[in-house]
Amino acid sequence: MKKLATALIAAGLVLSASACTAPTKLSTTETCDRVKAVVSNPATSAGKTGLNRLANQIRPIHAVASDDLKPALGSIIEYTDEAAKETPDADKLAAMQ
């Protein structure tokens, strides 16, 4: 009986862990809504701190974004990461704009 209970608990933990780690893909509309919520947040200012916050808020959205918007979000993250560096590469930033 103890082995059966242990096996059932282990199976339950495996199932719940796999359910938590399976990311769902968002539709284009849902992705846009989430990005709009992040961009409209006044905490994301234009300084280096604001760029870091913006990139960190977009990263989880990028992970589950629709296939149409994934490249654009990746470019935004790449740009904000470069712009927030201590010494950003001006040529690289100009090429990304």
PDB file of N, CA and C in Angstrom:
ATOM      1  N   MET A   1       0.826  -1.186   0.000  1.00  0.00           N
ATOM      2  CA  MET A   1       0.000   0.000   0.000  1.00  0.00           C
ATOM      3  C   MET A   1       0.877   1.259   0.000  1.00  0.00           C
ATOM      4  N   LYS A   2       1.971   1.210   0.755  1.00  0.00           N
ATOM      5  CA  LYS A   2       2.859   2.361   0.819  1.00  0.00           C
ATOM      6  C   LYS A   2       3.516   2.613  -0.537  1.00  0.00           C
ATOM      7  N   LYS A   3       3.887   1.536  -1.236  1.00  0.00           N
ATOM      8  CA  LYS A   3       4.503   1.677  -2.561  1.00  0.00           C
ATOM      9  C   LYS A   3       3.505   2.254  -3.558  1.00  0.00           C
ATOM     10  N   LEU A   4       2.256   1.818  -3.467  1.00  0.00           N
ATOM     11  CA  LEU A   4       1.220   2.322  -4.369  1.00  0.00           C
ATOM     12  C   LEU A   4       1.004   3.823  -4.140  1.00  0.00           C
ATOM     13  N   ALA A   5       0.939   4.224  -2.889  1.00  0.00           N
ATOM     14  CA  ALA A   5       0.743   5.642  -2.582  1.00  0.00           C
ATOM     15  C   ALA A   5       1.925   6.469  -3.081  1.00  0.00           C
ATOM     16  N   THR A   6       3.130   5.953  -2.896  1.00  0.00           N
ATOM     17  CA  THR A   6       4.323   6.656  -3.367  1.00  0.00           C
ATOM     18  C   THR A   6       4.311   6.780  -4.885  1.00  0.00           C
ATOM     19  N   ALA A   7       3.923   5.698  -5.564  1.00  0.00           N
ATOM     20  CA  ALA A   7       3.866   5.717  -7.029  1.00  0.00           C
ATOM     21  C   ALA A   7       2.820   6.714  -7.523  1.00  0.00           C
ATOM     22  N   LEU A   8       1.671   6.767  -6.861  1.00  0.00           N
ATOM     23  CA  LEU A   8       0.623   7.707  -7.266  1.00  0.00           C
ATOM     24  C   LEU A   8       1.047   9.159  -7.029  1.00  0.00           C
ATOM     25  N   ILE A   9       1.707   9.404  -5.914  1.00  0.00           N
ATOM     26  CA  ILE A   9       2.188  10.761  -5.637  1.00  0.00           C
ATOM     27  C   ILE A   9       3.238  11.174  -6.664  1.00  0.00           C
ATOM     28  N   ALA A  10       4.151  10.258  -6.980  1.00  0.00           N
ATOM     29  CA  ALA A  10       5.185  10.560  -7.972  1.00  0.00           C
ATOM     30  C   ALA A  10       4.568  10.834  -9.340  1.00  0.00           C
ATOM     31  N   ALA A  11       3.580  10.024  -9.726  1.00  0.00           N
ATOM     32  CA  ALA A  11       2.920  10.231 -11.017  1.00  0.00           C
ATOM     33  C   ALA A  11       2.198  11.575 -11.045  1.00  0.00           C
ATOM     34  N   GLY A  12       1.555  11.933  -9.946  1.00  0.00           N
ATOM     35  CA  GLY A  12       0.873  13.221  -9.864  1.00  0.00           C
ATOM     36  C   GLY A  12       1.834  14.389  -9.974  1.00  0.00           C
ATOM     37  N   LEU A  13       2.992  14.262  -9.325  1.00  0.00           N
ATOM     38  CA  LEU A  13       3.994  15.327  -9.407  1.00  0.00           C
ATOM     39  C   LEU A  13       4.541  15.478 -10.816  1.00  0.00           C
ATOM     40  N   VAL A  14       4.771  14.361 -11.488  1.00  0.00           N
ATOM     41  CA  VAL A  14       5.278  14.418 -12.860  1.00  0.00           C
ATOM     42  C   VAL A  14       4.255  15.072 -13.777  1.00  0.00           C
ATOM     43  N   LEU A  15       2.991  14.698 -13.635  1.00  0.00           N
ATOM     44  CA  LEU A  15       1.945  15.288 -14.476  1.00  0.00           C
ATOM     45  C   LEU A  15       1.776  16.779 -14.203  1.00  0.00           C
ATOM     46  N   SER A  16       1.786  17.167 -12.941  1.00  0.00           N
ATOM     47  CA  SER A  16       1.614  18.591 -12.642  1.00  0.00           C
ATOM     48  C   SER A  16       2.822  19.405 -13.093  1.00  0.00           C
ATOM     49  N   ALA A  17       4.011  18.836 -13.000  1.00  0.00           N
ATOM     50  CA  ALA A  17       5.208  19.548 -13.457  1.00  0.00           C
ATOM     51  C   ALA A  17       5.195  19.715 -14.967  1.00  0.00           C
ATOM     52  N   SER A  18       4.762  18.699 -15.684  1.00  0.00           N
ATOM     53  CA  SER A  18       4.733  18.811 -17.146  1.00  0.00           C
ATOM     54  C   SER A  18       3.651  19.783 -17.597  1.00  0.00           C
ATOM     55  N   ALA A  19       2.576  19.876 -16.856  1.00  0.00           N
ATOM     56  CA  ALA A  19       1.519  20.831 -17.206  1.00  0.00           C
ATOM     57  C   ALA A  19       1.976  22.264 -16.977  1.00  0.00           C
ATOM     58  N   CYS A  20       2.809  22.465 -15.979  1.00  0.00           N
ATOM     59  CA  CYS A  20       3.286  23.820 -15.679  1.00  0.00           C
ATOM     60  C   CYS A  20       4.348  24.296 -16.662  1.00  0.00           C
ATOM     61  N   THR A  21       5.101  23.386 -17.232  1.00  0.00           N
ATOM     62  CA  THR A  21       6.203  23.784 -18.092  1.00  0.00           C
ATOM     63  C   THR A  21       5.821  23.862 -19.561  1.00  0.00           C
ATOM     64  N   ALA A  22       4.642  23.398 -19.914  1.00  0.00           N
ATOM     65  CA  ALA A  22       4.246  23.419 -21.316  1.00  0.00           C
ATOM     66  C   ALA A  22       3.739  24.816 -21.683  1.00  0.00           C
ATOM     67  N   PRO A  23       4.542  25.606 -22.403  1.00  0.00           N
ATOM     68  CA  PRO A  23       4.094  26.948 -22.767  1.00  0.00           C
ATOM     69  C   PRO A  23       3.036  26.888 -23.864  1.00  0.00           C
ATOM     70  N   THR A  24       2.098  27.797 -23.787  1.00  0.00           N
ATOM     71  CA  THR A  24       1.079  27.876 -24.821  1.00  0.00           C
ATOM     72  C   THR A  24       1.461  28.983 -25.786  1.00  0.00           C
ATOM     73  N   LYS A  25       1.135  28.787 -27.029  1.00  0.00           N
ATOM     74  CA  LYS A  25       1.429  29.794 -28.046  1.00  0.00           C
ATOM     75  C   LYS A  25       0.261  30.776 -28.091  1.00  0.00           C
ATOM     76  N   LEU A  26       0.593  32.063 -28.030  1.00  0.00           N
ATOM     77  CA  LEU A  26      -0.421  33.106 -28.078  1.00  0.00           C
ATOM     78  C   LEU A  26      -0.800  33.409 -29.520  1.00  0.00           C
ATOM     79  N   SER A  27      -2.005  33.898 -29.696  1.00  0.00           N
ATOM     80  CA  SER A  27      -2.394  34.378 -31.019  1.00  0.00           C
ATOM     81  C   SER A  27      -1.744  35.748 -31.236  1.00  0.00           C
ATOM     82  N   THR A  28      -1.813  36.228 -32.454  1.00  0.00           N
ATOM     83  CA  THR A  28      -1.232  37.535 -32.762  1.00  0.00           C
ATOM     84  C   THR A  28      -1.925  38.635 -31.964  1.00  0.00           C
ATOM     85  N   THR A  29      -3.237  38.550 -31.831  1.00  0.00           N
ATOM     86  CA  THR A  29      -3.988  39.552 -31.076  1.00  0.00           C
ATOM     87  C   THR A  29      -3.598  39.536 -29.605  1.00  0.00           C
ATOM     88  N   GLU A  30      -3.483  38.337 -29.028  1.00  0.00           N
ATOM     89  CA  GLU A  30      -3.092  38.235 -27.617  1.00  0.00           C
ATOM     90  C   GLU A  30      -1.675  38.762 -27.399  1.00  0.00           C
ATOM     91  N   THR A  31      -0.786  38.453 -28.340  1.00  0.00           N
ATOM     92  CA  THR A  31       0.586  38.952 -28.240  1.00  0.00           C
ATOM     93  C   THR A  31       0.597  40.474 -28.291  1.00  0.00           C
ATOM     94  N   CYS A  32      -0.153  41.048 -29.218  1.00  0.00           N
ATOM     95  CA  CYS A  32      -0.227  42.517 -29.329  1.00  0.00           C
ATOM     96  C   CYS A  32      -0.783  43.139 -28.054  1.00  0.00           C
ATOM     97  N   ASP A  33      -1.813  42.522 -27.486  1.00  0.00           N
ATOM     98  CA  ASP A  33      -2.397  43.056 -26.257  1.00  0.00           C
ATOM     99  C   ASP A  33      -1.383  43.066 -25.120  1.00  0.00           C
ATOM    100  N   ARG A  34      -0.604  42.009 -25.013  1.00  0.00           N
ATOM    101  CA  ARG A  34       0.397  41.953 -23.940  1.00  0.00           C
ATOM    102  C   ARG A  34       1.511  42.974 -24.164  1.00  0.00           C
ATOM    103  N   VAL A  35       1.934  43.126 -25.412  1.00  0.00           N
ATOM    104  CA  VAL A  35       2.987  44.103 -25.708  1.00  0.00           C
ATOM    105  C   VAL A  35       2.473  45.519 -25.449  1.00  0.00           C
ATOM    106  N   LYS A  36       1.228  45.794 -25.822  1.00  0.00           N
ATOM    107  CA  LYS A  36       0.646  47.117 -25.565  1.00  0.00           C
ATOM    108  C   LYS A  36       0.614  47.412 -24.070  1.00  0.00           C
ATOM    109  N   ALA A  37       0.283  46.409 -23.266  1.00  0.00           N
ATOM    110  CA  ALA A  37       0.243  46.603 -21.814  1.00  0.00           C
ATOM    111  C   ALA A  37       1.629  46.933 -21.267  1.00  0.00           C
ATOM    112  N   VAL A  38       2.652  46.296 -21.807  1.00  0.00           N
ATOM    113  CA  VAL A  38       4.026  46.550 -21.353  1.00  0.00           C
ATOM    114  C   VAL A  38       4.485  47.930 -21.795  1.00  0.00           C
ATOM    115  N   VAL A  39       4.243  48.271 -23.048  1.00  0.00           N
ATOM    116  CA  VAL A  39       4.729  49.538 -23.597  1.00  0.00           C
ATOM    117  C   VAL A  39       4.000  50.729 -22.977  1.00  0.00           C
ATOM    118  N   SER A  40       2.737  50.561 -22.648  1.00  0.00           N
ATOM    119  CA  SER A  40       1.977  51.676 -22.077  1.00  0.00           C
ATOM    120  C   SER A  40       2.271  51.887 -20.596  1.00  0.00           C
ATOM    121  N   ASN A  41       3.048  51.005 -19.993  1.00  0.00           N
ATOM    122  CA  ASN A  41       3.412  51.133 -18.581  1.00  0.00           C
ATOM    123  C   ASN A  41       4.358  52.322 -18.406  1.00  0.00           C
ATOM    124  N   PRO A  42       4.003  53.284 -17.563  1.00  0.00           N
ATOM    125  CA  PRO A  42       4.876  54.459 -17.401  1.00  0.00           C
ATOM    126  C   PRO A  42       6.212  54.142 -16.726  1.00  0.00           C
ATOM    127  N   ALA A  43       6.364  52.961 -16.150  1.00  0.00           N
ATOM    128  CA  ALA A  43       7.627  52.596 -15.492  1.00  0.00           C
ATOM    129  C   ALA A  43       8.744  52.366 -16.501  1.00  0.00           C
ATOM    130  N   THR A  44       8.382  52.132 -17.761  1.00  0.00           N
ATOM    131  CA  THR A  44       9.408  51.917 -18.780  1.00  0.00           C
ATOM    132  C   THR A  44       9.791  53.263 -19.372  1.00  0.00           C
ATOM    133  N   SER A  45      10.738  53.911 -18.739  1.00  0.00           N
ATOM    134  CA  SER A  45      11.199  55.218 -19.205  1.00  0.00           C
ATOM    135  C   SER A  45      12.244  55.035 -20.298  1.00  0.00           C
ATOM    136  N   ALA A  46      12.760  56.128 -20.801  1.00  0.00           N
ATOM    137  CA  ALA A  46      13.694  56.067 -21.922  1.00  0.00           C
ATOM    138  C   ALA A  46      15.134  55.828 -21.493  1.00  0.00           C
ATOM    139  N   GLY A  47      15.424  55.857 -20.208  1.00  0.00           N
ATOM    140  CA  GLY A  47      16.796  55.656 -19.755  1.00  0.00           C
ATOM    141  C   GLY A  47      17.223  54.202 -19.843  1.00  0.00           C
ATOM    142  N   LYS A  48      18.448  53.947 -19.429  1.00  0.00           N
ATOM    143  CA  LYS A  48      18.978  52.583 -19.468  1.00  0.00           C
ATOM    144  C   LYS A  48      18.172  51.648 -18.572  1.00  0.00           C
ATOM    145  N   THR A  49      17.751  52.142 -17.417  1.00  0.00           N
ATOM    146  CA  THR A  49      16.935  51.329 -16.515  1.00  0.00           C
ATOM    147  C   THR A  49      15.603  50.990 -17.163  1.00  0.00           C
ATOM    148  N   GLY A  50      15.008  51.968 -17.823  1.00  0.00           N
ATOM    149  CA  GLY A  50      13.746  51.733 -18.512  1.00  0.00           C
ATOM    150  C   GLY A  50      13.886  50.736 -19.645  1.00  0.00           C
ATOM    151  N   LEU A  51      14.999  50.807 -20.369  1.00  0.00           N
ATOM    152  CA  LEU A  51      15.230  49.851 -21.455  1.00  0.00           C
ATOM    153  C   LEU A  51      15.416  48.441 -20.909  1.00  0.00           C
ATOM    154  N   ASN A  52      16.101  48.319 -19.775  1.00  0.00           N
ATOM    155  CA  ASN A  52      16.251  47.007 -19.145  1.00  0.00           C
ATOM    156  C   ASN A  52      14.902  46.453 -18.709  1.00  0.00           C
ATOM    157  N   ARG A  53      14.083  47.311 -18.112  1.00  0.00           N
ATOM    158  CA  ARG A  53      12.745  46.875 -17.689  1.00  0.00           C
ATOM    159  C   ARG A  53      11.911  46.444 -18.884  1.00  0.00           C
ATOM    160  N   LEU A  54      11.962  47.237 -19.934  1.00  0.00           N
ATOM    161  CA  LEU A  54      11.198  46.905 -21.134  1.00  0.00           C
ATOM    162  C   LEU A  54      11.615  45.549 -21.689  1.00  0.00           C
ATOM    163  N   ALA A  55      12.912  45.328 -21.833  1.00  0.00           N
ATOM    164  CA  ALA A  55      13.396  44.051 -22.361  1.00  0.00           C
ATOM    165  C   ALA A  55      13.001  42.900 -21.449  1.00  0.00           C
ATOM    166  N   ASN A  56      13.115  43.087 -20.150  1.00  0.00           N
ATOM    167  CA  ASN A  56      12.776  42.019 -19.212  1.00  0.00           C
ATOM    168  C   ASN A  56      11.286  41.726 -19.175  1.00  0.00           C
ATOM    169  N   GLN A  57      10.456  42.712 -19.484  1.00  0.00           N
ATOM    170  CA  GLN A  57       9.020  42.471 -19.541  1.00  0.00           C
ATOM    171  C   GLN A  57       8.609  41.834 -20.865  1.00  0.00           C
ATOM    172  N   ILE A  58       9.373  42.068 -21.918  1.00  0.00           N
ATOM    173  CA  ILE A  58       9.034  41.492 -23.222  1.00  0.00           C
ATOM    174  C   ILE A  58       9.543  40.055 -23.351  1.00  0.00           C
ATOM    175  N   ARG A  59      10.610  39.697 -22.646  1.00  0.00           N
ATOM    176  CA  ARG A  59      11.184  38.346 -22.768  1.00  0.00           C
ATOM    177  C   ARG A  59      10.164  37.227 -22.552  1.00  0.00           C
ATOM    178  N   PRO A  60       9.341  37.259 -21.484  1.00  0.00           N
ATOM    179  CA  PRO A  60       8.368  36.171 -21.325  1.00  0.00           C
ATOM    180  C   PRO A  60       7.303  36.164 -22.422  1.00  0.00           C
ATOM    181  N   ILE A  61       6.972  37.332 -22.939  1.00  0.00           N
ATOM    182  CA  ILE A  61       6.004  37.398 -24.039  1.00  0.00           C
ATOM    183  C   ILE A  61       6.626  36.791 -25.290  1.00  0.00           C
ATOM    184  N   HIS A  62       7.898  37.085 -25.537  1.00  0.00           N
ATOM    185  CA  HIS A  62       8.610  36.553 -26.704  1.00  0.00           C
ATOM    186  C   HIS A  62       8.626  35.028 -26.684  1.00  0.00           C
ATOM    187  N   ALA A  63       8.718  34.444 -25.496  1.00  0.00           N
ATOM    188  CA  ALA A  63       8.781  32.984 -25.385  1.00  0.00           C
ATOM    189  C   ALA A  63       7.501  32.311 -25.863  1.00  0.00           C
ATOM    190  N   VAL A  64       6.355  32.973 -25.730  1.00  0.00           N
ATOM    191  CA  VAL A  64       5.079  32.365 -26.118  1.00  0.00           C
ATOM    192  C   VAL A  64       4.381  33.146 -27.232  1.00  0.00           C
ATOM    193  N   ALA A  65       5.088  34.063 -27.869  1.00  0.00           N
ATOM    194  CA  ALA A  65       4.490  34.934 -28.890  1.00  0.00           C
ATOM    195  C   ALA A  65       4.089  34.148 -30.130  1.00  0.00           C
ATOM    196  N   SER A  66       3.201  34.744 -30.889  1.00  0.00           N
ATOM    197  CA  SER A  66       2.801  34.138 -32.157  1.00  0.00           C
ATOM    198  C   SER A  66       3.989  34.145 -33.118  1.00  0.00           C
ATOM    199  N   ASP A  67       3.944  33.248 -34.080  1.00  0.00           N
ATOM    200  CA  ASP A  67       5.050  33.138 -35.034  1.00  0.00           C
ATOM    201  C   ASP A  67       5.231  34.417 -35.850  1.00  0.00           C
ATOM    202  N   ASP A  68       4.148  35.150 -36.066  1.00  0.00           N
ATOM    203  CA  ASP A  68       4.232  36.390 -36.841  1.00  0.00           C
ATOM    204  C   ASP A  68       5.018  37.476 -36.110  1.00  0.00           C
ATOM    205  N   LEU A  69       4.870  37.551 -34.795  1.00  0.00           N
ATOM    206  CA  LEU A  69       5.475  38.643 -34.031  1.00  0.00           C
ATOM    207  C   LEU A  69       6.774  38.265 -33.328  1.00  0.00           C
ATOM    208  N   LYS A  70       7.124  37.004 -33.339  1.00  0.00           N
ATOM    209  CA  LYS A  70       8.347  36.560 -32.654  1.00  0.00           C
ATOM    210  C   LYS A  70       9.602  37.260 -33.183  1.00  0.00           C
ATOM    211  N   PRO A  71       9.799  37.392 -34.506  1.00  0.00           N
ATOM    212  CA  PRO A  71      10.998  38.096 -34.986  1.00  0.00           C
ATOM    213  C   PRO A  71      11.038  39.571 -34.566  1.00  0.00           C
ATOM    214  N   ALA A  72       9.897  40.236 -34.584  1.00  0.00           N
ATOM    215  CA  ALA A  72       9.860  41.649 -34.195  1.00  0.00           C
ATOM    216  C   ALA A  72      10.189  41.817 -32.715  1.00  0.00           C
ATOM    217  N   LEU A  73       9.646  40.954 -31.881  1.00  0.00           N
ATOM    218  CA  LEU A  73       9.943  41.040 -30.454  1.00  0.00           C
ATOM    219  C   LEU A  73      11.406  40.718 -30.179  1.00  0.00           C
ATOM    220  N   GLY A  74      11.958  39.772 -30.927  1.00  0.00           N
ATOM    221  CA  GLY A  74      13.381  39.463 -30.785  1.00  0.00           C
ATOM    222  C   GLY A  74      14.248  40.657 -31.141  1.00  0.00           C
ATOM    223  N   SER A  75      13.858  41.384 -32.176  1.00  0.00           N
ATOM    224  CA  SER A  75      14.604  42.586 -32.571  1.00  0.00           C
ATOM    225  C   SER A  75      14.510  43.679 -31.509  1.00  0.00           C
ATOM    226  N   ILE A  76      13.330  43.824 -30.918  1.00  0.00           N
ATOM    227  CA  ILE A  76      13.160  44.823 -29.858  1.00  0.00           C
ATOM    228  C   ILE A  76      14.045  44.476 -28.668  1.00  0.00           C
ATOM    229  N   ILE A  77      14.065  43.212 -28.296  1.00  0.00           N
ATOM    230  CA  ILE A  77      14.899  42.783 -27.170  1.00  0.00           C
ATOM    231  C   ILE A  77      16.372  43.003 -27.486  1.00  0.00           C
ATOM    232  N   GLU A  78      16.775  42.660 -28.698  1.00  0.00           N
ATOM    233  CA  GLU A  78      18.177  42.852 -29.096  1.00  0.00           C
ATOM    234  C   GLU A  78      18.551  44.337 -29.053  1.00  0.00           C
ATOM    235  N   TYR A  79      17.666  45.198 -29.544  1.00  0.00           N
ATOM    236  CA  TYR A  79      17.928  46.640 -29.547  1.00  0.00           C
ATOM    237  C   TYR A  79      18.025  47.190 -28.121  1.00  0.00           C
ATOM    238  N   THR A  80      17.073  46.824 -27.271  1.00  0.00           N
ATOM    239  CA  THR A  80      17.091  47.351 -25.904  1.00  0.00           C
ATOM    240  C   THR A  80      18.297  46.840 -25.128  1.00  0.00           C
ATOM    241  N   ASP A  81      18.690  45.595 -25.374  1.00  0.00           N
ATOM    242  CA  ASP A  81      19.890  45.067 -24.712  1.00  0.00           C
ATOM    243  C   ASP A  81      21.136  45.851 -25.125  1.00  0.00           C
ATOM    244  N   GLU A  82      21.248  46.139 -26.417  1.00  0.00           N
ATOM    245  CA  GLU A  82      22.420  46.876 -26.907  1.00  0.00           C
ATOM    246  C   GLU A  82      22.402  48.320 -26.398  1.00  0.00           C
ATOM    247  N   ALA A  83      21.243  48.959 -26.428  1.00  0.00           N
ATOM    248  CA  ALA A  83      21.143  50.357 -26.010  1.00  0.00           C
ATOM    249  C   ALA A  83      21.372  50.528 -24.509  1.00  0.00           C
ATOM    250  N   ALA A  84      21.095  49.496 -23.728  1.00  0.00           N
ATOM    251  CA  ALA A  84      21.248  49.592 -22.278  1.00  0.00           C
ATOM    252  C   ALA A  84      22.663  49.282 -21.803  1.00  0.00           C
ATOM    253  N   LYS A  85      23.554  48.910 -22.709  1.00  0.00           N
ATOM    254  CA  LYS A  85      24.937  48.612 -22.320  1.00  0.00           C
ATOM    255  C   LYS A  85      25.639  49.880 -21.850  1.00  0.00           C
ATOM    256  N   GLU A  86      26.716  49.684 -21.097  1.00  0.00           N
ATOM    257  CA  GLU A  86      27.518  50.828 -20.638  1.00  0.00           C
ATOM    258  C   GLU A  86      28.064  51.621 -21.825  1.00  0.00           C
ATOM    259  N   THR A  87      28.578  50.905 -22.823  1.00  0.00           N
ATOM    260  CA  THR A  87      29.084  51.549 -24.039  1.00  0.00           C
ATOM    261  C   THR A  87      28.431  50.881 -25.249  1.00  0.00           C
ATOM    262  N   PRO A  88      27.237  51.337 -25.617  1.00  0.00           N
ATOM    263  CA  PRO A  88      26.556  50.724 -26.760  1.00  0.00           C
ATOM    264  C   PRO A  88      27.279  51.015 -28.072  1.00  0.00           C
ATOM    265  N   ASP A  89      27.207  50.075 -28.981  1.00  0.00           N
ATOM    266  CA  ASP A  89      27.808  50.216 -30.304  1.00  0.00           C
ATOM    267  C   ASP A  89      26.873  51.071 -31.162  1.00  0.00           C
ATOM    268  N   ALA A  90      27.281  52.287 -31.452  1.00  0.00           N
ATOM    269  CA  ALA A  90      26.439  53.230 -32.191  1.00  0.00           C
ATOM    270  C   ALA A  90      26.116  52.726 -33.593  1.00  0.00           C
ATOM    271  N   ASP A  91      27.074  52.089 -34.246  1.00  0.00           N
ATOM    272  CA  ASP A  91      26.830  51.573 -35.596  1.00  0.00           C
ATOM    273  C   ASP A  91      25.790  50.457 -35.570  1.00  0.00           C
ATOM    274  N   LYS A  92      25.891  49.589 -34.571  1.00  0.00           N
ATOM    275  CA  LYS A  92      24.937  48.490 -34.456  1.00  0.00           C
ATOM    276  C   LYS A  92      23.539  49.024 -34.161  1.00  0.00           C
ATOM    277  N   LEU A  93      23.448  50.020 -33.280  1.00  0.00           N
ATOM    278  CA  LEU A  93      22.151  50.625 -32.974  1.00  0.00           C
ATOM    279  C   LEU A  93      21.553  51.302 -34.201  1.00  0.00           C
ATOM    280  N   ALA A  94      22.385  51.984 -34.968  1.00  0.00           N
ATOM    281  CA  ALA A  94      21.895  52.649 -36.178  1.00  0.00           C
ATOM    282  C   ALA A  94      21.391  51.627 -37.186  1.00  0.00           C
ATOM    283  N   ALA A  95      22.067  50.504 -37.286  1.00  0.00           N
ATOM    284  CA  ALA A  95      21.642  49.460 -38.217  1.00  0.00           C
ATOM    285  C   ALA A  95      20.324  48.827 -37.775  1.00  0.00           C
ATOM    286  N   MET A  96      20.097  48.764 -36.468  1.00  0.00           N
ATOM    287  CA  MET A  96      18.857  48.159 -35.954  1.00  0.00           C
ATOM    288  C   MET A  96      17.659  49.080 -36.089  1.00  0.00           C
ATOM    289  N   GLN A  97      17.906  50.390 -36.152  1.00  0.00           N
ATOM    290  CA  GLN A  97      16.782  51.316 -36.270  1.00  0.00           C
ATOM    291  C   GLN A  97      16.282  51.246 -37.668  1.00  0.00           C
TER     292      GLN A  97
END
